[in-house]
Structure formats: C-alpha cells, structure tokens
Amino acid sequence: PHLYLILQTPLFGNILQSLQKDESTFTVNLALIALVML
C-alpha cells in the first residue's frame, strides 16, 4: 500500500541521483526499472 510515501523519503531522490551519476549500465538499468515501475 501507499507507494507514494517514497516521495517523503530520500529514496526517490536517490534513484534519480543514481540515474544521473552512476556509470555502470547494470546499475542504471536497475534504477530505471524501479523508476518506471514507481
């Protein structure tokens, strides 16, 4: 329930950080899957 609560935690911002900063394709792809699902 209540997945929108992720916006009240630092986790959402850190998914975006990973997508902007990480250089590993595998990591970025996992972060992107999480973002697309959320």
PDB file of all heavy atoms in Angstrom:
ATOM      1  N   PRO A   1       0.831  -1.200   0.000  1.00  0.00           N
ATOM      2  CA  PRO A   1       0.000   0.000   0.000  1.00  0.00           C
ATOM      3  C   PRO A   1       0.876   1.265   0.000  1.00  0.00           C
ATOM      4  O   PRO A   1       2.059   1.199   0.346  1.00  0.00           O
ATOM      5  CB  PRO A   1      -0.748  -0.108   1.337  1.00  0.00           C
ATOM      6  CG  PRO A   1       0.190  -0.869   2.229  1.00  0.00           C
ATOM      7  CD  PRO A   1       0.925  -1.827   1.329  1.00  0.00           C
ATOM      8  N   HIS A   2       0.281   2.377  -0.408  1.00  0.00           N
ATOM      9  CA  HIS A   2       0.867   3.720  -0.187  1.00  0.00           C
ATOM     10  C   HIS A   2       2.274   3.926  -0.737  1.00  0.00           C
ATOM     11  O   HIS A   2       3.139   4.458  -0.058  1.00  0.00           O
ATOM     12  CB  HIS A   2       0.893   4.053   1.316  1.00  0.00           C
ATOM     13  CG  HIS A   2      -0.377   3.750   2.022  1.00  0.00           C
ATOM     14  ND1 HIS A   2      -1.614   4.125   1.520  1.00  0.00           N
ATOM     15  CD2 HIS A   2      -0.623   3.078   3.179  1.00  0.00           C
ATOM     16  CE1 HIS A   2      -2.569   3.712   2.354  1.00  0.00           C
ATOM     17  NE2 HIS A   2      -1.995   3.071   3.360  1.00  0.00           N
ATOM     18  N   LEU A   3       2.499   3.508  -1.991  1.00  0.00           N
ATOM     19  CA  LEU A   3       3.844   3.681  -2.546  1.00  0.00           C
ATOM     20  C   LEU A   3       4.224   5.158  -2.719  1.00  0.00           C
ATOM     21  O   LEU A   3       5.403   5.478  -2.772  1.00  0.00           O
ATOM     22  CB  LEU A   3       3.964   2.951  -3.890  1.00  0.00           C
ATOM     23  CG  LEU A   3       4.415   1.510  -3.780  1.00  0.00           C
ATOM     24  CD1 LEU A   3       4.240   0.785  -5.103  1.00  0.00           C
ATOM     25  CD2 LEU A   3       5.879   1.420  -3.329  1.00  0.00           C
ATOM     26  N   TYR A   4       3.225   6.045  -2.777  1.00  0.00           N
ATOM     27  CA  TYR A   4       3.538   7.476  -2.933  1.00  0.00           C
ATOM     28  C   TYR A   4       4.390   7.972  -1.757  1.00  0.00           C
ATOM     29  O   TYR A   4       5.048   9.008  -1.844  1.00  0.00           O
ATOM     30  CB  TYR A   4       2.250   8.306  -3.028  1.00  0.00           C
ATOM     31  CG  TYR A   4       1.438   8.255  -1.754  1.00  0.00           C
ATOM     32  CD1 TYR A   4       1.682   9.149  -0.714  1.00  0.00           C
ATOM     33  CD2 TYR A   4       0.458   7.278  -1.571  1.00  0.00           C
ATOM     34  CE1 TYR A   4       0.975   9.074   0.471  1.00  0.00           C
ATOM     35  CE2 TYR A   4      -0.256   7.186  -0.389  1.00  0.00           C
ATOM     36  CZ  TYR A   4       0.013   8.089   0.635  1.00  0.00           C
ATOM     37  OH  TYR A   4      -0.676   8.009   1.816  1.00  0.00           O
ATOM     38  N   LEU A   5       4.394   7.221  -0.643  1.00  0.00           N
ATOM     39  CA  LEU A   5       5.185   7.640   0.520  1.00  0.00           C
ATOM     40  C   LEU A   5       6.673   7.692   0.211  1.00  0.00           C
ATOM     41  O   LEU A   5       7.442   8.298   0.951  1.00  0.00           O
ATOM     42  CB  LEU A   5       4.947   6.687   1.707  1.00  0.00           C
ATOM     43  CG  LEU A   5       3.561   6.784   2.353  1.00  0.00           C
ATOM     44  CD1 LEU A   5       3.323   5.615   3.305  1.00  0.00           C
ATOM     45  CD2 LEU A   5       3.403   8.115   3.094  1.00  0.00           C
ATOM     46  N   ILE A   6       7.081   7.071  -0.897  1.00  0.00           N
ATOM     47  CA  ILE A   6       8.510   7.117  -1.256  1.00  0.00           C
ATOM     48  C   ILE A   6       8.950   8.571  -1.446  1.00  0.00           C
ATOM     49  O   ILE A   6      10.111   8.911  -1.233  1.00  0.00           O
ATOM     50  CB  ILE A   6       8.804   6.285  -2.529  1.00  0.00           C
ATOM     51  CG1 ILE A   6      10.316   6.080  -2.692  1.00  0.00           C
ATOM     52  CG2 ILE A   6       8.212   6.934  -3.772  1.00  0.00           C
ATOM     53  CD1 ILE A   6      10.708   5.130  -3.809  1.00  0.00           C
ATOM     54  N   LEU A   7       7.996   9.440  -1.817  1.00  0.00           N
ATOM     55  CA  LEU A   7       8.341  10.855  -2.028  1.00  0.00           C
ATOM     56  C   LEU A   7       8.633  11.552  -0.700  1.00  0.00           C
ATOM     57  O   LEU A   7       9.202  12.639  -0.682  1.00  0.00           O
ATOM     58  CB  LEU A   7       7.205  11.582  -2.756  1.00  0.00           C
ATOM     59  CG  LEU A   7       6.942  11.074  -4.181  1.00  0.00           C
ATOM     60  CD1 LEU A   7       5.692  11.718  -4.753  1.00  0.00           C
ATOM     61  CD2 LEU A   7       8.139  11.333  -5.079  1.00  0.00           C
ATOM     62  N   GLN A   8       8.212  10.935   0.410  1.00  0.00           N
ATOM     63  CA  GLN A   8       8.504  11.528   1.727  1.00  0.00           C
ATOM     64  C   GLN A   8       9.772  10.916   2.321  1.00  0.00           C
ATOM     65  O   GLN A   8      10.071  11.118   3.489  1.00  0.00           O
ATOM     66  CB  GLN A   8       7.326  11.293   2.674  1.00  0.00           C
ATOM     67  CG  GLN A   8       6.053  11.972   2.211  1.00  0.00           C
ATOM     68  CD  GLN A   8       4.846  11.545   3.044  1.00  0.00           C
ATOM     69  OE1 GLN A   8       4.980  11.096   4.176  1.00  0.00           O
ATOM     70  NE2 GLN A   8       3.665  11.678   2.465  1.00  0.00           N
ATOM     71  N   THR A   9      10.490  10.140   1.519  1.00  0.00           N
ATOM     72  CA  THR A   9      11.762   9.572   1.983  1.00  0.00           C
ATOM     73  C   THR A   9      12.844  10.022   1.005  1.00  0.00           C
ATOM     74  O   THR A   9      12.526  10.462  -0.096  1.00  0.00           O
ATOM     75  CB  THR A   9      11.725   8.023   1.950  1.00  0.00           C
ATOM     76  OG1 THR A   9      11.837   7.588   0.582  1.00  0.00           O
ATOM     77  CG2 THR A   9      10.440   7.472   2.550  1.00  0.00           C
ATOM     78  N   PRO A  10      14.107   9.901   1.400  1.00  0.00           N
ATOM     79  CA  PRO A  10      15.182  10.289   0.452  1.00  0.00           C
ATOM     80  C   PRO A  10      15.342   9.292  -0.702  1.00  0.00           C
ATOM     81  O   PRO A  10      16.108   9.541  -1.622  1.00  0.00           O
ATOM     82  CB  PRO A  10      16.450  10.292   1.312  1.00  0.00           C
ATOM     83  CG  PRO A  10      16.050   9.924   2.694  1.00  0.00           C
ATOM     84  CD  PRO A  10      14.629   9.468   2.700  1.00  0.00           C
ATOM     85  N   LEU A  11      14.627   8.159  -0.642  1.00  0.00           N
ATOM     86  CA  LEU A  11      14.872   7.090  -1.623  1.00  0.00           C
ATOM     87  C   LEU A  11      14.572   7.530  -3.051  1.00  0.00           C
ATOM     88  O   LEU A  11      15.332   7.230  -3.972  1.00  0.00           O
ATOM     89  CB  LEU A  11      14.058   5.841  -1.255  1.00  0.00           C
ATOM     90  CG  LEU A  11      14.227   4.613  -2.144  1.00  0.00           C
ATOM     91  CD1 LEU A  11      15.683   4.195  -2.265  1.00  0.00           C
ATOM     92  CD2 LEU A  11      13.399   3.433  -1.616  1.00  0.00           C
ATOM     93  N   PHE A  12      13.472   8.259  -3.254  1.00  0.00           N
ATOM     94  CA  PHE A  12      13.125   8.654  -4.625  1.00  0.00           C
ATOM     95  C   PHE A  12      14.221   9.540  -5.219  1.00  0.00           C
ATOM     96  O   PHE A  12      14.694   9.313  -6.337  1.00  0.00           O
ATOM     97  CB  PHE A  12      11.769   9.371  -4.667  1.00  0.00           C
ATOM     98  CG  PHE A  12      11.287   9.640  -6.067  1.00  0.00           C
ATOM     99  CD1 PHE A  12      10.864   8.598  -6.878  1.00  0.00           C
ATOM    100  CD2 PHE A  12      11.280  10.928  -6.594  1.00  0.00           C
ATOM    101  CE1 PHE A  12      10.433   8.828  -8.185  1.00  0.00           C
ATOM    102  CE2 PHE A  12      10.849  11.166  -7.895  1.00  0.00           C
ATOM    103  CZ  PHE A  12      10.425  10.115  -8.687  1.00  0.00           C
ATOM    104  N   GLY A  13      14.655  10.535  -4.447  1.00  0.00           N
ATOM    105  CA  GLY A  13      15.736  11.410  -4.920  1.00  0.00           C
ATOM    106  C   GLY A  13      17.003  10.637  -5.226  1.00  0.00           C
ATOM    107  O   GLY A  13      17.742  10.965  -6.157  1.00  0.00           O
ATOM    108  N   ASN A  14      17.245   9.577  -4.469  1.00  0.00           N
ATOM    109  CA  ASN A  14      18.479   8.812  -4.686  1.00  0.00           C
ATOM    110  C   ASN A  14      18.393   7.864  -5.882  1.00  0.00           C
ATOM    111  O   ASN A  14      19.412   7.538  -6.487  1.00  0.00           O
ATOM    112  CB  ASN A  14      18.885   8.075  -3.406  1.00  0.00           C
ATOM    113  CG  ASN A  14      19.503   9.050  -2.410  1.00  0.00           C
ATOM    114  OD1 ASN A  14      20.178   9.999  -2.806  1.00  0.00           O
ATOM    115  ND2 ASN A  14      19.256   8.844  -1.126  1.00  0.00           N
ATOM    116  N   ILE A  15      17.171   7.452  -6.245  1.00  0.00           N
ATOM    117  CA  ILE A  15      17.021   6.724  -7.513  1.00  0.00           C
ATOM    118  C   ILE A  15      17.415   7.671  -8.649  1.00  0.00           C
ATOM    119  O   ILE A  15      18.137   7.306  -9.579  1.00  0.00           O
ATOM    120  CB  ILE A  15      15.565   6.239  -7.700  1.00  0.00           C
ATOM    121  CG1 ILE A  15      15.200   5.198  -6.639  1.00  0.00           C
ATOM    122  CG2 ILE A  15      15.365   5.640  -9.100  1.00  0.00           C
ATOM    123  CD1 ILE A  15      13.717   4.828  -6.622  1.00  0.00           C
ATOM    124  N   LEU A  16      16.952   8.927  -8.546  1.00  0.00           N
ATOM    125  CA  LEU A  16      17.281   9.921  -9.586  1.00  0.00           C
ATOM    126  C   LEU A  16      18.782  10.226  -9.576  1.00  0.00           C
ATOM    127  O   LEU A  16      19.391  10.405 -10.629  1.00  0.00           O
ATOM    128  CB  LEU A  16      16.467  11.206  -9.379  1.00  0.00           C
ATOM    129  CG  LEU A  16      14.942  11.053  -9.387  1.00  0.00           C
ATOM    130  CD1 LEU A  16      14.259  12.413  -9.273  1.00  0.00           C
ATOM    131  CD2 LEU A  16      14.450  10.326 -10.630  1.00  0.00           C
ATOM    132  N   GLN A  17      19.379  10.284  -8.377  1.00  0.00           N
ATOM    133  CA  GLN A  17      20.826  10.514  -8.302  1.00  0.00           C
ATOM    134  C   GLN A  17      21.569   9.407  -9.056  1.00  0.00           C
ATOM    135  O   GLN A  17      22.501   9.675  -9.814  1.00  0.00           O
ATOM    136  CB  GLN A  17      21.293  10.488  -6.837  1.00  0.00           C
ATOM    137  CG  GLN A  17      20.899  11.707  -6.048  1.00  0.00           C
ATOM    138  CD  GLN A  17      21.848  12.872  -6.274  1.00  0.00           C
ATOM    139  OE1 GLN A  17      22.351  13.072  -7.385  1.00  0.00           O
ATOM    140  NE2 GLN A  17      22.096  13.643  -5.248  1.00  0.00           N
ATOM    141  N   SER A  18      21.162   8.169  -8.806  1.00  0.00           N
ATOM    142  CA  SER A  18      21.836   7.044  -9.467  1.00  0.00           C
ATOM    143  C   SER A  18      21.734   7.195 -10.973  1.00  0.00           C
ATOM    144  O   SER A  18      22.708   6.992 -11.708  1.00  0.00           O
ATOM    145  CB  SER A  18      21.195   5.722  -9.026  1.00  0.00           C
ATOM    146  OG  SER A  18      21.683   4.657  -9.817  1.00  0.00           O
ATOM    147  N   LEU A  19      20.538   7.580 -11.449  1.00  0.00           N
ATOM    148  CA  LEU A  19      20.330   7.692 -12.896  1.00  0.00           C
ATOM    149  C   LEU A  19      21.104   8.866 -13.496  1.00  0.00           C
ATOM    150  O   LEU A  19      21.358   8.899 -14.696  1.00  0.00           O
ATOM    151  CB  LEU A  19      18.834   7.829 -13.188  1.00  0.00           C
ATOM    152  CG  LEU A  19      18.066   6.505 -13.026  1.00  0.00           C
ATOM    153  CD1 LEU A  19      16.577   6.752 -12.892  1.00  0.00           C
ATOM    154  CD2 LEU A  19      18.361   5.572 -14.196  1.00  0.00           C
ATOM    155  N   GLN A  20      21.489   9.824 -12.661  1.00  0.00           N
ATOM    156  CA  GLN A  20      22.252  10.960 -13.173  1.00  0.00           C
ATOM    157  C   GLN A  20      23.758  10.779 -13.007  1.00  0.00           C
ATOM    158  O   GLN A  20      24.539  11.379 -13.741  1.00  0.00           O
ATOM    159  CB  GLN A  20      21.844  12.243 -12.428  1.00  0.00           C
ATOM    160  CG  GLN A  20      20.415  12.660 -12.723  1.00  0.00           C
ATOM    161  CD  GLN A  20      19.995  13.814 -11.824  1.00  0.00           C
ATOM    162  OE1 GLN A  20      20.154  14.963 -12.186  1.00  0.00           O
ATOM    163  NE2 GLN A  20      19.495  13.503 -10.655  1.00  0.00           N
ATOM    164  N   LYS A  21      24.164   9.963 -12.031  1.00  0.00           N
ATOM    165  CA  LYS A  21      25.587   9.933 -11.692  1.00  0.00           C
ATOM    166  C   LYS A  21      26.267   8.592 -11.944  1.00  0.00           C
ATOM    167  O   LYS A  21      27.462   8.552 -12.205  1.00  0.00           O
ATOM    168  CB  LYS A  21      25.770  10.249 -10.199  1.00  0.00           C
ATOM    169  CG  LYS A  21      25.052  11.483  -9.708  1.00  0.00           C
ATOM    170  CD  LYS A  21      25.963  12.694  -9.788  1.00  0.00           C
ATOM    171  CE  LYS A  21      25.256  13.932  -9.280  1.00  0.00           C
ATOM    172  NZ  LYS A  21      25.136  13.978  -7.823  1.00  0.00           N
ATOM    173  N   ASP A  22      25.532   7.479 -11.748  1.00  0.00           N
ATOM    174  CA  ASP A  22      26.220   6.189 -11.835  1.00  0.00           C
ATOM    175  C   ASP A  22      26.670   5.897 -13.255  1.00  0.00           C
ATOM    176  O   ASP A  22      26.040   6.318 -14.223  1.00  0.00           O
ATOM    177  CB  ASP A  22      25.324   5.063 -11.298  1.00  0.00           C
ATOM    178  CG  ASP A  22      25.319   5.029  -9.777  1.00  0.00           C
ATOM    179  OD1 ASP A  22      26.361   5.398  -9.190  1.00  0.00           O
ATOM    180  OD2 ASP A  22      24.297   4.670  -9.183  1.00  0.00           O
ATOM    181  N   GLU A  23      27.777   5.164 -13.373  1.00  0.00           N
ATOM    182  CA  GLU A  23      28.344   4.909 -14.700  1.00  0.00           C
ATOM    183  C   GLU A  23      28.180   3.458 -15.134  1.00  0.00           C
ATOM    184  O   GLU A  23      28.448   3.129 -16.281  1.00  0.00           O
ATOM    185  CB  GLU A  23      29.820   5.324 -14.685  1.00  0.00           C
ATOM    186  CG  GLU A  23      29.948   6.851 -14.595  1.00  0.00           C
ATOM    187  CD  GLU A  23      31.335   7.320 -14.184  1.00  0.00           C
ATOM    188  OE1 GLU A  23      32.294   6.524 -14.328  1.00  0.00           O
ATOM    189  OE2 GLU A  23      31.451   8.470 -13.716  1.00  0.00           O
ATOM    190  N   SER A  24      27.736   2.581 -14.216  1.00  0.00           N
ATOM    191  CA  SER A  24      27.536   1.181 -14.574  1.00  0.00           C
ATOM    192  C   SER A  24      26.196   1.002 -15.268  1.00  0.00           C
ATOM    193  O   SER A  24      25.155   1.403 -14.752  1.00  0.00           O
ATOM    194  CB  SER A  24      27.569   0.312 -13.317  1.00  0.00           C
ATOM    195  OG  SER A  24      26.843  -0.885 -13.536  1.00  0.00           O
ATOM    196  N   THR A  25      26.220   0.402 -16.449  1.00  0.00           N
ATOM    197  CA  THR A  25      24.975   0.190 -17.198  1.00  0.00           C
ATOM    198  C   THR A  25      24.000  -0.670 -16.398  1.00  0.00           C
ATOM    199  O   THR A  25      22.796  -0.429 -16.388  1.00  0.00           O
ATOM    200  CB  THR A  25      25.269  -0.527 -18.543  1.00  0.00           C
ATOM    201  OG1 THR A  25      26.341   0.154 -19.194  1.00  0.00           O
ATOM    202  CG2 THR A  25      24.060  -0.519 -19.448  1.00  0.00           C
ATOM    203  N   PHE A  26      24.538  -1.680 -15.728  1.00  0.00           N
ATOM    204  CA  PHE A  26      23.680  -2.604 -14.983  1.00  0.00           C
ATOM    205  C   PHE A  26      22.936  -1.867 -13.863  1.00  0.00           C
ATOM    206  O   PHE A  26      21.725  -2.003 -13.692  1.00  0.00           O
ATOM    207  CB  PHE A  26      24.533  -3.745 -14.413  1.00  0.00           C
ATOM    208  CG  PHE A  26      23.707  -4.855 -13.812  1.00  0.00           C
ATOM    209  CD1 PHE A  26      22.734  -5.494 -14.553  1.00  0.00           C
ATOM    210  CD2 PHE A  26      23.913  -5.253 -12.499  1.00  0.00           C
ATOM    211  CE1 PHE A  26      21.969  -6.526 -14.002  1.00  0.00           C
ATOM    212  CE2 PHE A  26      23.161  -6.282 -11.942  1.00  0.00           C
ATOM    213  CZ  PHE A  26      22.186  -6.921 -12.695  1.00  0.00           C
ATOM    214  N   THR A  27      23.680  -1.035 -13.125  1.00  0.00           N
ATOM    215  CA  THR A  27      23.075  -0.276 -12.020  1.00  0.00           C
ATOM    216  C   THR A  27      22.024   0.685 -12.547  1.00  0.00           C
ATOM    217  O   THR A  27      20.909   0.777 -12.022  1.00  0.00           O
ATOM    218  CB  THR A  27      24.174   0.515 -11.274  1.00  0.00           C
ATOM    219  OG1 THR A  27      25.168  -0.408 -10.839  1.00  0.00           O
ATOM    220  CG2 THR A  27      23.595   1.254 -10.074  1.00  0.00           C
ATOM    221  N   VAL A  28      22.377   1.418 -13.600  1.00  0.00           N
ATOM    222  CA  VAL A  28      21.461   2.406 -14.161  1.00  0.00           C
ATOM    223  C   VAL A  28      20.197   1.721 -14.684  1.00  0.00           C
ATOM    224  O   VAL A  28      19.077   2.216 -14.510  1.00  0.00           O
ATOM    225  CB  VAL A  28      22.183   3.208 -15.272  1.00  0.00           C
ATOM    226  CG1 VAL A  28      21.212   3.922 -16.177  1.00  0.00           C
ATOM    227  CG2 VAL A  28      23.140   4.206 -14.616  1.00  0.00           C
ATOM    228  N   ASN A  29      20.369   0.551 -15.284  1.00  0.00           N
ATOM    229  CA  ASN A  29      19.204  -0.155 -15.793  1.00  0.00           C
ATOM    230  C   ASN A  29      18.276  -0.597 -14.665  1.00  0.00           C
ATOM    231  O   ASN A  29      17.050  -0.495 -14.764  1.00  0.00           O
ATOM    232  CB  ASN A  29      19.657  -1.350 -16.637  1.00  0.00           C
ATOM    233  CG  ASN A  29      18.584  -1.788 -17.616  1.00  0.00           C
ATOM    234  OD1 ASN A  29      17.940  -0.951 -18.253  1.00  0.00           O
ATOM    235  ND2 ASN A  29      18.359  -3.075 -17.708  1.00  0.00           N
ATOM    236  N   LEU A  30      18.858  -1.080 -13.550  1.00  0.00           N
ATOM    237  CA  LEU A  30      18.030  -1.468 -12.395  1.00  0.00           C
ATOM    238  C   LEU A  30      17.303  -0.256 -11.812  1.00  0.00           C
ATOM    239  O   LEU A  30      16.118  -0.327 -11.460  1.00  0.00           O
ATOM    240  CB  LEU A  30      18.897  -2.102 -11.295  1.00  0.00           C
ATOM    241  CG  LEU A  30      19.211  -3.585 -11.408  1.00  0.00           C
ATOM    242  CD1 LEU A  30      20.175  -4.004 -10.297  1.00  0.00           C
ATOM    243  CD2 LEU A  30      17.944  -4.434 -11.326  1.00  0.00           C
ATOM    244  N   ALA A  31      18.020   0.869 -11.705  1.00  0.00           N
ATOM    245  CA  ALA A  31      17.387   2.088 -11.177  1.00  0.00           C
ATOM    246  C   ALA A  31      16.248   2.517 -12.099  1.00  0.00           C
ATOM    247  O   ALA A  31      15.191   2.967 -11.641  1.00  0.00           O
ATOM    248  CB  ALA A  31      18.426   3.209 -11.058  1.00  0.00           C
ATOM    249  N   LEU A  32      16.462   2.359 -13.397  1.00  0.00           N
ATOM    250  CA  LEU A  32      15.439   2.766 -14.367  1.00  0.00           C
ATOM    251  C   LEU A  32      14.206   1.865 -14.270  1.00  0.00           C
ATOM    252  O   LEU A  32      13.066   2.337 -14.352  1.00  0.00           O
ATOM    253  CB  LEU A  32      16.017   2.726 -15.785  1.00  0.00           C
ATOM    254  CG  LEU A  32      15.128   3.360 -16.862  1.00  0.00           C
ATOM    255  CD1 LEU A  32      14.922   4.851 -16.587  1.00  0.00           C
ATOM    256  CD2 LEU A  32      15.738   3.174 -18.250  1.00  0.00           C
ATOM    257  N   ILE A  33      14.425   0.558 -14.083  1.00  0.00           N
ATOM    258  CA  ILE A  33      13.281  -0.346 -13.919  1.00  0.00           C
ATOM    259  C   ILE A  33      12.473   0.097 -12.696  1.00  0.00           C
ATOM    260  O   ILE A  33      11.249   0.193 -12.745  1.00  0.00           O
ATOM    261  CB  ILE A  33      13.754  -1.816 -13.734  1.00  0.00           C
ATOM    262  CG1 ILE A  33      14.392  -2.328 -15.031  1.00  0.00           C
ATOM    263  CG2 ILE A  33      12.581  -2.711 -13.343  1.00  0.00           C
ATOM    264  CD1 ILE A  33      15.123  -3.664 -14.874  1.00  0.00           C
ATOM    265  N   ALA A  34      13.168   0.383 -11.596  1.00  0.00           N
ATOM    266  CA  ALA A  34      12.471   0.811 -10.378  1.00  0.00           C
ATOM    267  C   ALA A  34      11.672   2.084 -10.653  1.00  0.00           C
ATOM    268  O   ALA A  34      10.497   2.205 -10.272  1.00  0.00           O
ATOM    269  CB  ALA A  34      13.478   1.040  -9.243  1.00  0.00           C
ATOM    270  N   LEU A  35      12.291   3.045 -11.354  1.00  0.00           N
ATOM    271  CA  LEU A  35      11.615   4.321 -11.624  1.00  0.00           C
ATOM    272  C   LEU A  35      10.383   4.118 -12.512  1.00  0.00           C
ATOM    273  O   LEU A  35       9.302   4.655 -12.235  1.00  0.00           O
ATOM    274  CB  LEU A  35      12.604   5.280 -12.304  1.00  0.00           C
ATOM    275  CG  LEU A  35      12.069   6.684 -12.612  1.00  0.00           C
ATOM    276  CD1 LEU A  35      11.686   7.416 -11.321  1.00  0.00           C
ATOM    277  CD2 LEU A  35      13.110   7.511 -13.380  1.00  0.00           C
ATOM    278  N   VAL A  36      10.538   3.318 -13.569  1.00  0.00           N
ATOM    279  CA  VAL A  36       9.413   3.061 -14.481  1.00  0.00           C
ATOM    280  C   VAL A  36       8.259   2.394 -13.731  1.00  0.00           C
ATOM    281  O   VAL A  36       7.081   2.699 -13.955  1.00  0.00           O
ATOM    282  CB  VAL A  36       9.884   2.175 -15.670  1.00  0.00           C
ATOM    283  CG1 VAL A  36       8.703   1.599 -16.428  1.00  0.00           C
ATOM    284  CG2 VAL A  36      10.762   2.999 -16.616  1.00  0.00           C
ATOM    285  N   MET A  37       8.584   1.494 -12.804  1.00  0.00           N
ATOM    286  CA  MET A  37       7.538   0.823 -12.039  1.00  0.00           C
ATOM    287  C   MET A  37       6.855   1.781 -11.064  1.00  0.00           C
ATOM    288  O   MET A  37       5.669   1.658 -10.783  1.00  0.00           O
ATOM    289  CB  MET A  37       8.128  -0.353 -11.256  1.00  0.00           C
ATOM    290  CG  MET A  37       8.546  -1.520 -12.145  1.00  0.00           C
ATOM    291  SD  MET A  37       9.544  -2.725 -11.224  1.00  0.00           S
ATOM    292  CE  MET A  37       8.302  -3.816 -10.584  1.00  0.00           C
ATOM    293  N   LEU A  38       7.612   2.748 -10.535  1.00  0.00           N
ATOM    294  CA  LEU A  38       7.063   3.625  -9.494  1.00  0.00           C
ATOM    295  C   LEU A  38       6.218   4.776 -10.023  1.00  0.00           C
ATOM    296  O   LEU A  38       5.198   5.129  -9.424  1.00  0.00           O
ATOM    297  CB  LEU A  38       8.222   4.214  -8.660  1.00  0.00           C
ATOM    298  CG  LEU A  38       8.858   3.271  -7.641  1.00  0.00           C
ATOM    299  CD1 LEU A  38      10.228   3.797  -7.209  1.00  0.00           C
ATOM    300  CD2 LEU A  38       7.938   3.103  -6.419  1.00  0.00           C
TER     301      LEU A  38
END
